[in-house]
Amino acid sequence: WGDINSQRVAVCVHGLTRNAHDFDALAQALVAKGRRVFTLNMAG
């Protein structure tokens, strides 16, 4: 999410059985603060 040139980068990782979409709203809020955000789906 966000500007690929941003110098502030956040990485979000979910709980045991969850997935990256748990952070959709948070990612948008972090982007609005100037960050690039990666939300990961762990294997499975």
All heavy atoms as atom14 arrays in JSON, in Angstrom:
{
  "sequence": "WGDINSQRVAVCVHGLTRNAHDFDALAQALVAKGRRVFTLNMAG",
  "atom14_mask": [
    [1, 1, 1, 1, 1, 1, 1, 1, 1, 1, 1, 1, 1, 1],
    [1, 1, 1, 1, 0, 0, 0, 0, 0, 0, 0, 0, 0, 0],
    [1, 1, 1, 1, 1, 1, 1, 1, 0, 0, 0, 0, 0, 0],
    [1, 1, 1, 1, 1, 1, 1, 1, 0, 0, 0, 0, 0, 0],
    [1, 1, 1, 1, 1, 1, 1, 1, 0, 0, 0, 0, 0, 0],
    [1, 1, 1, 1, 1, 1, 0, 0, 0, 0, 0, 0, 0, 0],
    [1, 1, 1, 1, 1, 1, 1, 1, 1, 0, 0, 0, 0, 0],
    [1, 1, 1, 1, 1, 1, 1, 1, 1, 1, 1, 0, 0, 0],
    [1, 1, 1, 1, 1, 1, 1, 0, 0, 0, 0, 0, 0, 0],
    [1, 1, 1, 1, 1, 0, 0, 0, 0, 0, 0, 0, 0, 0],
    [1, 1, 1, 1, 1, 1, 1, 0, 0, 0, 0, 0, 0, 0],
    [1, 1, 1, 1, 1, 1, 0, 0, 0, 0, 0, 0, 0, 0],
    [1, 1, 1, 1, 1, 1, 1, 0, 0, 0, 0, 0, 0, 0],
    [1, 1, 1, 1, 1, 1, 1, 1, 1, 1, 0, 0, 0, 0],
    [1, 1, 1, 1, 0, 0, 0, 0, 0, 0, 0, 0, 0, 0],
    [1, 1, 1, 1, 1, 1, 1, 1, 0, 0, 0, 0, 0, 0],
    [1, 1, 1, 1, 1, 1, 1, 0, 0, 0, 0, 0, 0, 0],
    [1, 1, 1, 1, 1, 1, 1, 1, 1, 1, 1, 0, 0, 0],
    [1, 1, 1, 1, 1, 1, 1, 1, 0, 0, 0, 0, 0, 0],
    [1, 1, 1, 1, 1, 0, 0, 0, 0, 0, 0, 0, 0, 0],
    [1, 1, 1, 1, 1, 1, 1, 1, 1, 1, 0, 0, 0, 0],
    [1, 1, 1, 1, 1, 1, 1, 1, 0, 0, 0, 0, 0, 0],
    [1, 1, 1, 1, 1, 1, 1, 1, 1, 1, 1, 0, 0, 0],
    [1, 1, 1, 1, 1, 1, 1, 1, 0, 0, 0, 0, 0, 0],
    [1, 1, 1, 1, 1, 0, 0, 0, 0, 0, 0, 0, 0, 0],
    [1, 1, 1, 1, 1, 1, 1, 1, 0, 0, 0, 0, 0, 0],
    [1, 1, 1, 1, 1, 0, 0, 0, 0, 0, 0, 0, 0, 0],
    [1, 1, 1, 1, 1, 1, 1, 1, 1, 0, 0, 0, 0, 0],
    [1, 1, 1, 1, 1, 0, 0, 0, 0, 0, 0, 0, 0, 0],
    [1, 1, 1, 1, 1, 1, 1, 1, 0, 0, 0, 0, 0, 0],
    [1, 1, 1, 1, 1, 1, 1, 0, 0, 0, 0, 0, 0, 0],
    [1, 1, 1, 1, 1, 0, 0, 0, 0, 0, 0, 0, 0, 0],
    [1, 1, 1, 1, 1, 1, 1, 1, 1, 0, 0, 0, 0, 0],
    [1, 1, 1, 1, 0, 0, 0, 0, 0, 0, 0, 0, 0, 0],
    [1, 1, 1, 1, 1, 1, 1, 1, 1, 1, 1, 0, 0, 0],
    [1, 1, 1, 1, 1, 1, 1, 1, 1, 1, 1, 0, 0, 0],
    [1, 1, 1, 1, 1, 1, 1, 0, 0, 0, 0, 0, 0, 0],
    [1, 1, 1, 1, 1, 1, 1, 1, 1, 1, 1, 0, 0, 0],
    [1, 1, 1, 1, 1, 1, 1, 0, 0, 0, 0, 0, 0, 0],
    [1, 1, 1, 1, 1, 1, 1, 1, 0, 0, 0, 0, 0, 0],
    [1, 1, 1, 1, 1, 1, 1, 1, 0, 0, 0, 0, 0, 0],
    [1, 1, 1, 1, 1, 1, 1, 1, 0, 0, 0, 0, 0, 0],
    [1, 1, 1, 1, 1, 0, 0, 0, 0, 0, 0, 0, 0, 0],
    [1, 1, 1, 1, 0, 0, 0, 0, 0, 0, 0, 0, 0, 0]
  ],
  "atom14_positions": [
    [[0.83, -1.19, 0.0], [0.0, 0.0, 0.0], [0.87, 1.26, 0.0], [1.91, 1.29, 0.63], [-0.87, 0.04, 1.25], [-1.77, -1.13, 1.49], [-1.4, -2.38, 1.91], [-3.2, -1.15, 1.39], [-2.51, -3.18, 2.07], [-3.63, -2.46, 1.75], [-4.16, -0.21, 1.04], [-4.97, -2.83, 1.78], [-5.5, -0.56, 1.06], [-5.9, -1.87, 1.42]],
    [[0.38, 2.3, -0.67], [0.99, 3.61, -0.54], [2.14, 3.88, -1.5], [2.38, 3.15, -2.46], [0.0, 0.0, 0.0], [0.0, 0.0, 0.0], [0.0, 0.0, 0.0], [0.0, 0.0, 0.0], [0.0, 0.0, 0.0], [0.0, 0.0, 0.0], [0.0, 0.0, 0.0], [0.0, 0.0, 0.0], [0.0, 0.0, 0.0], [0.0, 0.0, 0.0]],
    [[2.85, 4.97, -1.22], [3.9, 5.49, -2.08], [5.13, 4.59, -2.0], [5.72, 4.43, -0.92], [4.24, 6.91, -1.64], [5.31, 7.58, -2.5], [5.83, 6.93, -3.44], [5.62, 8.75, -2.22], [0.0, 0.0, 0.0], [0.0, 0.0, 0.0], [0.0, 0.0, 0.0], [0.0, 0.0, 0.0], [0.0, 0.0, 0.0], [0.0, 0.0, 0.0]],
    [[5.56, 4.03, -3.12], [6.71, 3.13, -3.11], [8.01, 3.87, -2.77], [9.01, 3.23, -2.44], [6.87, 2.39, -4.45], [7.12, 3.37, -5.59], [5.65, 1.52, -4.73], [7.47, 2.69, -6.9], [0.0, 0.0, 0.0], [0.0, 0.0, 0.0], [0.0, 0.0, 0.0], [0.0, 0.0, 0.0], [0.0, 0.0, 0.0], [0.0, 0.0, 0.0]],
    [[7.98, 5.18, -2.83], [9.18, 5.96, -2.52], [9.22, 6.45, -1.07], [10.18, 7.13, -0.68], [9.28, 7.17, -3.46], [9.49, 6.75, -4.91], [10.34, 5.9, -5.2], [8.7, 7.32, -5.81], [0.0, 0.0, 0.0], [0.0, 0.0, 0.0], [0.0, 0.0, 0.0], [0.0, 0.0, 0.0], [0.0, 0.0, 0.0], [0.0, 0.0, 0.0]],
    [[8.19, 6.12, -0.3], [8.17, 6.57, 1.09], [9.34, 5.95, 1.87], [9.66, 4.77, 1.71], [6.85, 6.18, 1.76], [6.88, 6.52, 3.14], [0.0, 0.0, 0.0], [0.0, 0.0, 0.0], [0.0, 0.0, 0.0], [0.0, 0.0, 0.0], [0.0, 0.0, 0.0], [0.0, 0.0, 0.0], [0.0, 0.0, 0.0], [0.0, 0.0, 0.0]],
    [[9.95, 6.76, 2.72], [11.05, 6.28, 3.55], [10.56, 5.64, 4.84], [11.36, 5.05, 5.58], [11.99, 7.44, 3.87], [12.67, 8.03, 2.64], [13.44, 7.0, 1.86], [14.37, 6.38, 2.38], [13.07, 6.78, 0.6], [0.0, 0.0, 0.0], [0.0, 0.0, 0.0], [0.0, 0.0, 0.0], [0.0, 0.0, 0.0], [0.0, 0.0, 0.0]],
    [[9.27, 5.75, 5.13], [8.69, 5.11, 6.31], [7.88, 3.91, 5.84], [6.91, 4.05, 5.08], [7.81, 6.09, 7.09], [8.55, 7.3, 7.61], [7.7, 8.11, 8.56], [7.48, 7.42, 9.83], [6.77, 7.93, 10.84], [6.19, 9.12, 10.71], [6.62, 7.26, 11.96], [0.0, 0.0, 0.0], [0.0, 0.0, 0.0], [0.0, 0.0, 0.0]],
    [[8.28, 2.75, 6.29], [7.66, 1.51, 5.84], [7.17, 0.72, 7.05], [7.9, 0.53, 8.03], [8.63, 0.65, 5.02], [7.96, -0.66, 4.59], [9.13, 1.42, 3.81], [0.0, 0.0, 0.0], [0.0, 0.0, 0.0], [0.0, 0.0, 0.0], [0.0, 0.0, 0.0], [0.0, 0.0, 0.0], [0.0, 0.0, 0.0], [0.0, 0.0, 0.0]],
    [[5.92, 0.26, 6.98], [5.35, -0.6, 8.02], [5.06, -1.97, 7.43], [4.69, -2.09, 6.26], [4.07, 0.02, 8.57], [0.0, 0.0, 0.0], [0.0, 0.0, 0.0], [0.0, 0.0, 0.0], [0.0, 0.0, 0.0], [0.0, 0.0, 0.0], [0.0, 0.0, 0.0], [0.0, 0.0, 0.0], [0.0, 0.0, 0.0], [0.0, 0.0, 0.0]],
    [[5.25, -2.99, 8.25], [4.93, -4.36, 7.88], [3.93, -4.89, 8.9], [4.16, -4.81, 10.11], [6.18, -5.25, 7.86], [5.81, -6.71, 7.56], [7.19, -4.74, 6.84], [0.0, 0.0, 0.0], [0.0, 0.0, 0.0], [0.0, 0.0, 0.0], [0.0, 0.0, 0.0], [0.0, 0.0, 0.0], [0.0, 0.0, 0.0], [0.0, 0.0, 0.0]],
    [[2.81, -5.44, 8.4], [1.74, -5.93, 9.27], [1.59, -7.44, 9.07], [1.45, -7.91, 7.93], [0.42, -5.24, 8.95], [0.45, -3.44, 9.09], [0.0, 0.0, 0.0], [0.0, 0.0, 0.0], [0.0, 0.0, 0.0], [0.0, 0.0, 0.0], [0.0, 0.0, 0.0], [0.0, 0.0, 0.0], [0.0, 0.0, 0.0], [0.0, 0.0, 0.0]],
    [[1.57, -8.19, 10.18], [1.43, -9.65, 10.11], [0.35, -10.1, 11.09], [0.33, -9.69, 12.25], [2.76, -10.36, 10.39], [2.58, -11.88, 10.33], [3.82, -9.92, 9.38], [0.0, 0.0, 0.0], [0.0, 0.0, 0.0], [0.0, 0.0, 0.0], [0.0, 0.0, 0.0], [0.0, 0.0, 0.0], [0.0, 0.0, 0.0], [0.0, 0.0, 0.0]],
    [[-0.51, -10.95, 10.61], [-1.74, -11.37, 11.28], [-1.52, -12.48, 12.33], [-0.41, -12.98, 12.53], [-2.73, -11.88, 10.22], [-2.15, -12.97, 9.37], [-2.0, -14.27, 9.8], [-1.64, -12.94, 8.1], [-1.45, -15.0, 8.85], [-1.21, -14.22, 7.81], [0.0, 0.0, 0.0], [0.0, 0.0, 0.0], [0.0, 0.0, 0.0], [0.0, 0.0, 0.0]],
    [[-2.63, -12.88, 12.94], [-2.63, -13.95, 13.92], [-2.66, -15.33, 13.31], [-2.66, -15.51, 12.08], [0.0, 0.0, 0.0], [0.0, 0.0, 0.0], [0.0, 0.0, 0.0], [0.0, 0.0, 0.0], [0.0, 0.0, 0.0], [0.0, 0.0, 0.0], [0.0, 0.0, 0.0], [0.0, 0.0, 0.0], [0.0, 0.0, 0.0], [0.0, 0.0, 0.0]],
    [[-2.73, -16.34, 14.16], [-2.52, -17.74, 13.8], [-3.34, -18.22, 12.61], [-2.8, -18.86, 11.71], [-2.81, -18.62, 15.02], [-2.62, -20.13, 14.85], [-1.18, -20.46, 14.5], [-3.05, -20.86, 16.12], [0.0, 0.0, 0.0], [0.0, 0.0, 0.0], [0.0, 0.0, 0.0], [0.0, 0.0, 0.0], [0.0, 0.0, 0.0], [0.0, 0.0, 0.0]],
    [[-4.62, -17.92, 12.58], [-5.47, -18.41, 11.49], [-6.02, -17.29, 10.63], [-6.91, -17.53, 9.8], [-6.65, -19.24, 12.03], [-7.6, -18.36, 12.68], [-6.19, -20.31, 13.0], [0.0, 0.0, 0.0], [0.0, 0.0, 0.0], [0.0, 0.0, 0.0], [0.0, 0.0, 0.0], [0.0, 0.0, 0.0], [0.0, 0.0, 0.0], [0.0, 0.0, 0.0]],
    [[-5.49, -16.1, 10.79], [-6.07, -14.95, 10.11], [-5.31, -14.65, 8.81], [-4.57, -15.48, 8.3], [-6.06, -13.73, 11.04], [-6.91, -13.92, 12.3], [-8.36, -14.22, 11.97], [-8.89, -13.17, 11.1], [-9.94, -13.34, 10.3], [-10.57, -14.5, 10.23], [-10.37, -12.33, 9.56], [0.0, 0.0, 0.0], [0.0, 0.0, 0.0], [0.0, 0.0, 0.0]],
    [[-5.49, -13.48, 8.23], [-4.86, -13.16, 6.95], [-4.66, -11.65, 6.82], [-5.07, -10.87, 7.69], [-5.68, -13.72, 5.79], [-7.06, -13.06, 5.67], [-7.18, -11.94, 5.2], [-8.11, -13.78, 6.08], [0.0, 0.0, 0.0], [0.0, 0.0, 0.0], [0.0, 0.0, 0.0], [0.0, 0.0, 0.0], [0.0, 0.0, 0.0], [0.0, 0.0, 0.0]],
    [[-4.03, -11.26, 5.72], [-3.61, -9.87, 5.53], [-4.75, -8.87, 5.54], [-4.57, -7.7, 5.88], [-2.84, -9.75, 4.21], [0.0, 0.0, 0.0], [0.0, 0.0, 0.0], [0.0, 0.0, 0.0], [0.0, 0.0, 0.0], [0.0, 0.0, 0.0], [0.0, 0.0, 0.0], [0.0, 0.0, 0.0], [0.0, 0.0, 0.0], [0.0, 0.0, 0.0]],
    [[-5.95, -9.3, 5.16], [-7.07, -8.35, 5.08], [-7.51, -7.82, 6.44], [-8.25, -6.84, 6.5], [-8.25, -9.0, 4.35], [-8.02, -9.17, 2.88], [-7.74, -8.11, 2.05], [-8.0, -10.29, 2.09], [-7.56, -8.55, 0.81], [-7.71, -9.85, 0.81], [0.0, 0.0, 0.0], [0.0, 0.0, 0.0], [0.0, 0.0, 0.0], [0.0, 0.0, 0.0]],
    [[-7.04, -8.44, 7.52], [-7.32, -7.88, 8.84], [-6.76, -6.47, 8.97], [-7.21, -5.7, 9.83], [-6.73, -8.76, 9.94], [-7.54, -10.02, 10.19], [-8.58, -10.21, 9.54], [-7.12, -10.82, 11.04], [0.0, 0.0, 0.0], [0.0, 0.0, 0.0], [0.0, 0.0, 0.0], [0.0, 0.0, 0.0], [0.0, 0.0, 0.0], [0.0, 0.0, 0.0]],
    [[-5.78, -6.12, 8.14], [-5.11, -4.83, 8.25], [-5.51, -3.85, 7.16], [-4.86, -2.8, 7.01], [-3.59, -5.04, 8.21], [-3.06, -5.87, 9.34], [-2.66, -7.18, 9.13], [-2.97, -5.35, 10.62], [-2.16, -7.95, 10.17], [-2.48, -6.11, 11.67], [-2.08, -7.42, 11.45], [0.0, 0.0, 0.0], [0.0, 0.0, 0.0], [0.0, 0.0, 0.0]],
    [[-6.55, -4.13, 6.4], [-6.92, -3.23, 5.31], [-7.17, -1.8, 5.8], [-6.66, -0.83, 5.22], [-8.17, -3.75, 4.58], [-7.87, -4.94, 3.67], [-6.69, -5.3, 3.52], [-8.84, -5.52, 3.12], [0.0, 0.0, 0.0], [0.0, 0.0, 0.0], [0.0, 0.0, 0.0], [0.0, 0.0, 0.0], [0.0, 0.0, 0.0], [0.0, 0.0, 0.0]],
    [[-7.97, -1.68, 6.85], [-8.3, -0.33, 7.35], [-7.08, 0.33, 7.98], [-6.82, 1.52, 7.78], [-9.45, -0.41, 8.35], [0.0, 0.0, 0.0], [0.0, 0.0, 0.0], [0.0, 0.0, 0.0], [0.0, 0.0, 0.0], [0.0, 0.0, 0.0], [0.0, 0.0, 0.0], [0.0, 0.0, 0.0], [0.0, 0.0, 0.0], [0.0, 0.0, 0.0]],
    [[-6.31, -0.43, 8.75], [-5.11, 0.12, 9.37], [-4.11, 0.56, 8.31], [-3.49, 1.63, 8.43], [-4.49, -0.92, 10.3], [-3.17, -0.52, 10.96], [-3.32, 0.73, 11.81], [-2.61, -1.67, 11.79], [0.0, 0.0, 0.0], [0.0, 0.0, 0.0], [0.0, 0.0, 0.0], [0.0, 0.0, 0.0], [0.0, 0.0, 0.0], [0.0, 0.0, 0.0]],
    [[-3.95, -0.24, 7.26], [-3.0, 0.11, 6.2], [-3.37, 1.45, 5.58], [-2.48, 2.29, 5.32], [-2.97, -0.98, 5.15], [0.0, 0.0, 0.0], [0.0, 0.0, 0.0], [0.0, 0.0, 0.0], [0.0, 0.0, 0.0], [0.0, 0.0, 0.0], [0.0, 0.0, 0.0], [0.0, 0.0, 0.0], [0.0, 0.0, 0.0], [0.0, 0.0, 0.0]],
    [[-4.65, 1.66, 5.33], [-5.06, 2.92, 4.72], [-4.78, 4.11, 5.64], [-4.38, 5.18, 5.19], [-6.54, 2.85, 4.36], [-6.82, 1.85, 3.24], [-8.28, 1.74, 2.89], [-8.89, 2.7, 2.42], [-8.86, 0.58, 3.13], [0.0, 0.0, 0.0], [0.0, 0.0, 0.0], [0.0, 0.0, 0.0], [0.0, 0.0, 0.0], [0.0, 0.0, 0.0]],
    [[-4.97, 3.9, 6.95], [-4.67, 4.97, 7.9], [-3.18, 5.26, 7.95], [-2.76, 6.42, 8.05], [-5.18, 4.58, 9.29], [0.0, 0.0, 0.0], [0.0, 0.0, 0.0], [0.0, 0.0, 0.0], [0.0, 0.0, 0.0], [0.0, 0.0, 0.0], [0.0, 0.0, 0.0], [0.0, 0.0, 0.0], [0.0, 0.0, 0.0], [0.0, 0.0, 0.0]],
    [[-2.36, 4.23, 7.86], [-0.91, 4.42, 7.88], [-0.42, 5.08, 6.6], [0.49, 5.92, 6.63], [-0.21, 3.07, 8.09], [-0.41, 2.43, 9.46], [0.12, 0.99, 9.46], [0.28, 3.24, 10.55], [0.0, 0.0, 0.0], [0.0, 0.0, 0.0], [0.0, 0.0, 0.0], [0.0, 0.0, 0.0], [0.0, 0.0, 0.0], [0.0, 0.0, 0.0]],
    [[-1.04, 4.73, 5.47], [-0.7, 5.39, 4.21], [-1.04, 6.88, 4.29], [-0.27, 7.73, 3.81], [-1.43, 4.72, 3.03], [-1.33, 5.56, 1.77], [-0.86, 3.32, 2.78], [0.0, 0.0, 0.0], [0.0, 0.0, 0.0], [0.0, 0.0, 0.0], [0.0, 0.0, 0.0], [0.0, 0.0, 0.0], [0.0, 0.0, 0.0], [0.0, 0.0, 0.0]],
    [[-2.17, 7.19, 4.89], [-2.57, 8.6, 5.04], [-1.57, 9.39, 5.86], [-1.49, 10.61, 5.76], [-3.96, 8.68, 5.66], [0.0, 0.0, 0.0], [0.0, 0.0, 0.0], [0.0, 0.0, 0.0], [0.0, 0.0, 0.0], [0.0, 0.0, 0.0], [0.0, 0.0, 0.0], [0.0, 0.0, 0.0], [0.0, 0.0, 0.0], [0.0, 0.0, 0.0]],
    [[-0.78, 8.67, 6.69], [0.25, 9.31, 7.5], [1.61, 9.33, 6.78], [2.63, 9.67, 7.38], [0.39, 8.57, 8.83], [-0.83, 8.62, 9.72], [-0.89, 9.9, 10.51], [-1.99, 9.86, 11.56], [-1.96, 11.03, 12.45], [0.0, 0.0, 0.0], [0.0, 0.0, 0.0], [0.0, 0.0, 0.0], [0.0, 0.0, 0.0], [0.0, 0.0, 0.0]],
    [[1.62, 8.9, 5.52], [2.83, 9.01, 4.73], [3.67, 7.75, 4.61], [4.8, 7.81, 4.13], [0.0, 0.0, 0.0], [0.0, 0.0, 0.0], [0.0, 0.0, 0.0], [0.0, 0.0, 0.0], [0.0, 0.0, 0.0], [0.0, 0.0, 0.0], [0.0, 0.0, 0.0], [0.0, 0.0, 0.0], [0.0, 0.0, 0.0], [0.0, 0.0, 0.0]],
    [[3.12, 6.63, 5.03], [3.9, 5.39, 5.0], [3.58, 4.53, 3.78], [2.49, 4.6, 3.22], [3.61, 4.56, 6.26], [4.14, 5.16, 7.54], [3.66, 4.35, 8.74], [4.2, 4.86, 9.99], [3.69, 5.88, 10.67], [2.64, 6.53, 10.2], [4.25, 6.28, 11.79], [0.0, 0.0, 0.0], [0.0, 0.0, 0.0], [0.0, 0.0, 0.0]],
    [[4.54, 3.69, 3.45], [4.3, 2.54, 2.6], [4.04, 1.37, 3.54], [4.73, 1.21, 4.55], [5.52, 2.26, 1.72], [5.35, 1.09, 0.75], [6.63, 0.87, -0.04], [6.43, -0.14, -1.08], [7.4, -0.57, -1.89], [8.64, -0.07, -1.78], [7.15, -1.48, -2.81], [0.0, 0.0, 0.0], [0.0, 0.0, 0.0], [0.0, 0.0, 0.0]],
    [[3.05, 0.53, 3.22], [2.64, -0.53, 4.13], [2.57, -1.86, 3.4], [1.93, -1.97, 2.34], [1.27, -0.22, 4.77], [0.89, -1.3, 5.78], [1.29, 1.16, 5.45], [0.0, 0.0, 0.0], [0.0, 0.0, 0.0], [0.0, 0.0, 0.0], [0.0, 0.0, 0.0], [0.0, 0.0, 0.0], [0.0, 0.0, 0.0], [0.0, 0.0, 0.0]],
    [[3.2, -2.88, 3.98], [3.09, -4.25, 3.48], [2.23, -5.05, 4.44], [2.49, -5.06, 5.66], [4.47, -4.91, 3.37], [5.33, -4.38, 2.27], [6.08, -3.22, 2.44], [5.38, -5.02, 1.04], [6.87, -2.72, 1.41], [6.17, -4.54, 0.01], [6.91, -3.39, 0.2], [0.0, 0.0, 0.0], [0.0, 0.0, 0.0], [0.0, 0.0, 0.0]],
    [[1.19, -5.7, 3.93], [0.36, -6.58, 4.74], [0.53, -8.0, 4.19], [0.23, -8.27, 3.04], [-1.12, -6.15, 4.72], [-1.6, -6.07, 3.37], [-1.28, -4.77, 5.37], [0.0, 0.0, 0.0], [0.0, 0.0, 0.0], [0.0, 0.0, 0.0], [0.0, 0.0, 0.0], [0.0, 0.0, 0.0], [0.0, 0.0, 0.0], [0.0, 0.0, 0.0]],
    [[1.01, -8.89, 5.03], [1.44, -10.21, 4.59], [0.41, -11.29, 4.89], [-0.24, -11.26, 5.95], [2.76, -10.59, 5.27], [4.07, -10.06, 4.68], [4.07, -8.55, 4.53], [5.26, -10.52, 5.51], [0.0, 0.0, 0.0], [0.0, 0.0, 0.0], [0.0, 0.0, 0.0], [0.0, 0.0, 0.0], [0.0, 0.0, 0.0], [0.0, 0.0, 0.0]],
    [[0.28, -12.23, 3.95], [-0.4, -13.5, 4.21], [0.67, -14.55, 4.46], [1.47, -14.86, 3.57], [-1.21, -13.95, 2.99], [-2.45, -13.14, 2.75], [-3.3, -13.0, 3.62], [-2.57, -12.58, 1.55], [0.0, 0.0, 0.0], [0.0, 0.0, 0.0], [0.0, 0.0, 0.0], [0.0, 0.0, 0.0], [0.0, 0.0, 0.0], [0.0, 0.0, 0.0]],
    [[0.72, -15.09, 5.65], [1.68, -16.16, 5.89], [1.24, -17.42, 5.14], [0.09, -17.54, 4.71], [1.81, -16.44, 7.38], [2.25, -15.23, 8.2], [3.69, -14.35, 7.52], [4.94, -15.64, 7.57], [0.0, 0.0, 0.0], [0.0, 0.0, 0.0], [0.0, 0.0, 0.0], [0.0, 0.0, 0.0], [0.0, 0.0, 0.0], [0.0, 0.0, 0.0]],
    [[2.17, -18.34, 4.95], [1.87, -19.58, 4.23], [0.63, -20.25, 4.82], [0.45, -20.32, 6.04], [3.06, -20.53, 4.32], [0.0, 0.0, 0.0], [0.0, 0.0, 0.0], [0.0, 0.0, 0.0], [0.0, 0.0, 0.0], [0.0, 0.0, 0.0], [0.0, 0.0, 0.0], [0.0, 0.0, 0.0], [0.0, 0.0, 0.0], [0.0, 0.0, 0.0]],
    [[-0.27, -20.69, 3.92], [-1.48, -21.37, 4.36], [-2.61, -20.45, 4.74], [-3.67, -20.92, 5.15], [0.0, 0.0, 0.0], [0.0, 0.0, 0.0], [0.0, 0.0, 0.0], [0.0, 0.0, 0.0], [0.0, 0.0, 0.0], [0.0, 0.0, 0.0], [0.0, 0.0, 0.0], [0.0, 0.0, 0.0], [0.0, 0.0, 0.0], [0.0, 0.0, 0.0]]
  ]
}
